[in-house]
C-alpha atoms as a PDB file:
ATOM      1  CA  MET A   1      -6.832 -15.699   3.976  1.00  0.00           C
ATOM      2  CA  SER A   2      -8.707 -17.341   6.762  1.00  0.00           C
ATOM      3  CA  LYS A   3      -7.015 -18.831   9.811  1.00  0.00           C
ATOM      4  CA  ASP A   4      -7.859 -22.301   8.466  1.00  0.00           C
ATOM      5  CA  THR A   5      -5.314 -21.880   5.666  1.00  0.00           C
ATOM      6  CA  PHE A   6      -2.453 -21.154   8.083  1.00  0.00           C
ATOM      7  CA  SER A   7      -0.630 -23.903   9.952  1.00  0.00           C
ATOM      8  CA  LYS A   8      -0.642 -23.931  13.731  1.00  0.00           C
ATOM      9  CA  GLU A   9       2.976 -22.694  13.698  1.00  0.00           C
ATOM     10  CA  GLU A  10       2.027 -19.756  11.472  1.00  0.00           C
ATOM     11  CA  GLN A  11      -0.870 -18.863  13.756  1.00  0.00           C
ATOM     12  CA  ILE A  12       1.427 -18.960  16.799  1.00  0.00           C
ATOM     13  CA  LEU A  13       3.976 -16.738  15.045  1.00  0.00           C
ATOM     14  CA  GLN A  14       1.281 -14.236  14.048  1.00  0.00           C
ATOM     15  CA  VAL A  15      -0.006 -13.962  17.621  1.00  0.00           C
ATOM     16  CA  MET A  16       3.526 -13.672  19.035  1.00  0.00           C
ATOM     17  CA  ARG A  17       4.358 -10.899  16.550  1.00  0.00           C
ATOM     18  CA  LYS A  18       1.177  -9.001  17.419  1.00  0.00           C
ATOM     19  CA  VAL A  19       1.755  -9.326  21.180  1.00  0.00           C
ATOM     20  CA  LEU A  20       5.403  -8.234  20.985  1.00  0.00           C
ATOM     21  CA  THR A  21       4.584  -5.208  18.826  1.00  0.00           C
ATOM     22  CA  GLN A  22       1.744  -4.296  21.206  1.00  0.00           C
ATOM     23  CA  VAL A  23       4.173  -4.477  24.154  1.00  0.00           C
ATOM     24  CA  ALA A  24       6.477  -2.125  22.249  1.00  0.00           C
ATOM     25  CA  LYS A  25       3.597   0.283  21.577  1.00  0.00           C
ATOM     26  CA  ASP A  26       2.276   0.120  25.145  1.00  0.00           C
ATOM     27  CA  THR A  27       5.679   0.856  26.663  1.00  0.00           C
ATOM     28  CA  TYR A  28       6.609   3.674  24.282  1.00  0.00           C
ATOM     29  CA  THR A  29       8.437   6.329  26.254  1.00  0.00           C
ATOM     30  CA  PRO A  30       9.515   9.797  25.092  1.00  0.00           C
ATOM     31  CA  THR A  31      13.284  10.131  24.706  1.00  0.00           C
ATOM     32  CA  ASN A  32      13.696  12.347  27.779  1.00  0.00           C
ATOM     33  CA  LEU A  33      12.233   9.669  30.124  1.00  0.00           C
ATOM     34  CA  LYS A  34      13.676   6.349  31.281  1.00  0.00           C
ATOM     35  CA  HIS A  35      12.167   3.410  29.431  1.00  0.00           C
ATOM     36  CA  PRO A  36      10.403   0.886  31.708  1.00  0.00           C
ATOM     37  CA  LEU A  37      11.986  -2.057  29.870  1.00  0.00           C
ATOM     38  CA  SER A  38      15.668  -2.859  30.232  1.00  0.00           C
ATOM     39  CA  GLU A  39      17.988  -2.491  27.255  1.00  0.00           C
ATOM     40  CA  SER A  40      18.446  -6.282  27.094  1.00  0.00           C
ATOM     41  CA  THR A  41      14.658  -6.816  27.040  1.00  0.00           C
ATOM     42  CA  ILE A  42      14.292  -4.323  24.185  1.00  0.00           C
ATOM     43  CA  HIS A  43      17.036  -6.112  22.219  1.00  0.00           C
ATOM     44  CA  GLY A  44      15.377  -9.454  22.999  1.00  0.00           C
ATOM     45  CA  ILE A  45      12.055  -8.219  21.604  1.00  0.00           C
ATOM     46  CA  ARG A  46      13.813  -6.978  18.441  1.00  0.00           C
ATOM     47  CA  ASP A  47      15.607 -10.308  18.040  1.00  0.00           C
ATOM     48  CA  CYS A  48      12.350 -12.246  18.517  1.00  0.00           C
ATOM     49  CA  LEU A  49      10.548 -10.109  15.941  1.00  0.00           C
ATOM     50  CA  GLY A  50      13.393 -10.650  13.478  1.00  0.00           C
ATOM     51  CA  LEU A  51      13.282 -14.423  13.974  1.00  0.00           C
ATOM     52  CA  ILE A  52       9.492 -14.454  13.673  1.00  0.00           C
ATOM     53  CA  ALA A  53       9.622 -12.480  10.417  1.00  0.00           C
ATOM     54  CA  SER A  54      12.238 -14.776   8.886  1.00  0.00           C
ATOM     55  CA  ARG A  55      10.354 -17.935   9.918  1.00  0.00           C
ATOM     56  CA  GLU A  56       7.083 -16.532   8.555  1.00  0.00           C
ATOM     57  CA  ALA A  57       8.855 -15.840   5.256  1.00  0.00           C
ATOM     58  CA  GLU A  58      10.234 -19.406   5.165  1.00  0.00           C
ATOM     59  CA  LEU A  59       6.810 -20.923   5.870  1.00  0.00           C
ATOM     60  CA  ALA A  60       5.133 -18.747   3.238  1.00  0.00           C
ATOM     61  CA  LYS A  61       7.762 -19.757   0.674  1.00  0.00           C
ATOM     62  CA  GLU A  62       7.371 -23.459   1.538  1.00  0.00           C
ATOM     63  CA  ALA A  63       3.593 -23.146   1.167  1.00  0.00           C
ATOM     64  CA  GLY A  64       3.981 -21.362  -2.182  1.00  0.00           C
ATOM     65  CA  ARG A  65       2.389 -18.164  -0.878  1.00  0.00           C
ATOM     66  CA  GLU A  66       3.573 -14.669  -1.564  1.00  0.00           C
ATOM     67  CA  ASN A  67       4.885 -13.001   1.562  1.00  0.00           C
ATOM     68  CA  ASN A  68       3.236  -9.609   1.162  1.00  0.00           C
ATOM     69  CA  MET A  69       3.272  -8.200   4.661  1.00  0.00           C
ATOM     70  CA  LYS A  70       3.842  -4.673   3.359  1.00  0.00           C
ATOM     71  CA  PRO A  71       1.252  -2.291   4.805  1.00  0.00           C
ATOM     72  CA  ARG A  72      -1.176  -0.856   2.272  1.00  0.00           C
ATOM     73  CA  TYR A  73      -3.436   2.177   2.242  1.00  0.00           C
ATOM     74  CA  VAL A  74      -7.175   1.563   2.056  1.00  0.00           C
ATOM     75  CA  ASP A  75      -7.462   3.470  -1.244  1.00  0.00           C
ATOM     76  CA  GLU A  76      -4.312   1.920  -2.760  1.00  0.00           C
ATOM     77  CA  PRO A  77      -5.011  -0.013  -5.972  1.00  0.00           C
ATOM     78  CA  SER A  78      -4.927  -3.771  -5.426  1.00  0.00           C
ATOM     79  CA  SER A  79      -3.141  -4.432  -8.698  1.00  0.00           C
ATOM     80  CA  SER A  80      -0.169  -2.637 -10.110  1.00  0.00           C
ATOM     81  CA  VAL A  81       1.983  -2.802 -13.193  1.00  0.00           C
ATOM     82  CA  VAL A  82       5.764  -2.805 -13.022  1.00  0.00           C
ATOM     83  CA  VAL A  83       7.371  -0.929 -15.883  1.00  0.00           C
ATOM     84  CA  LYS A  84      11.011  -1.785 -16.481  1.00  0.00           C
ATOM     85  CA  LEU A  85      13.066   1.122 -17.688  1.00  0.00           C
ATOM     86  CA  ASP A  86      15.903   0.552 -20.107  1.00  0.00           C
ATOM     87  CA  PRO A  87      18.767   2.932 -19.320  1.00  0.00           C
ATOM     88  CA  ASN A  88      19.859   2.752 -22.966  1.00  0.00           C
ATOM     89  CA  ASN A  89      16.674   4.526 -24.042  1.00  0.00           C
ATOM     90  CA  PHE A  90      17.364   7.641 -22.003  1.00  0.00           C
ATOM     91  CA  LYS A  91      19.094  10.618 -23.526  1.00  0.00           C
ATOM     92  CA  PRO A  92      20.985  12.960 -21.216  1.00  0.00           C
ATOM     93  CA  SER A  93      19.361  16.343 -20.868  1.00  0.00           C
ATOM     94  CA  LYS A  94      21.395  19.370 -21.906  1.00  0.00           C
END
């Protein structure tokens, strides 16, 4: 989808999500070192990302779009078939 199909609010949320995740990546610290961000800042970033994700889902639902933010591999098929399995058709193995 192009940026023209997203509302201004959706564009702002996308940029905020990208910036916050980049801050998290840029400040990654091995476990044996003290993290440069305070514990409350880290929790604040997590809370913001959670709110952004839920608002993006709400906006996508209101717009009638599928919220498919799941990462995909480059060679992953673009279409898939879901096969429902009926537990009554299975016989226990001996």
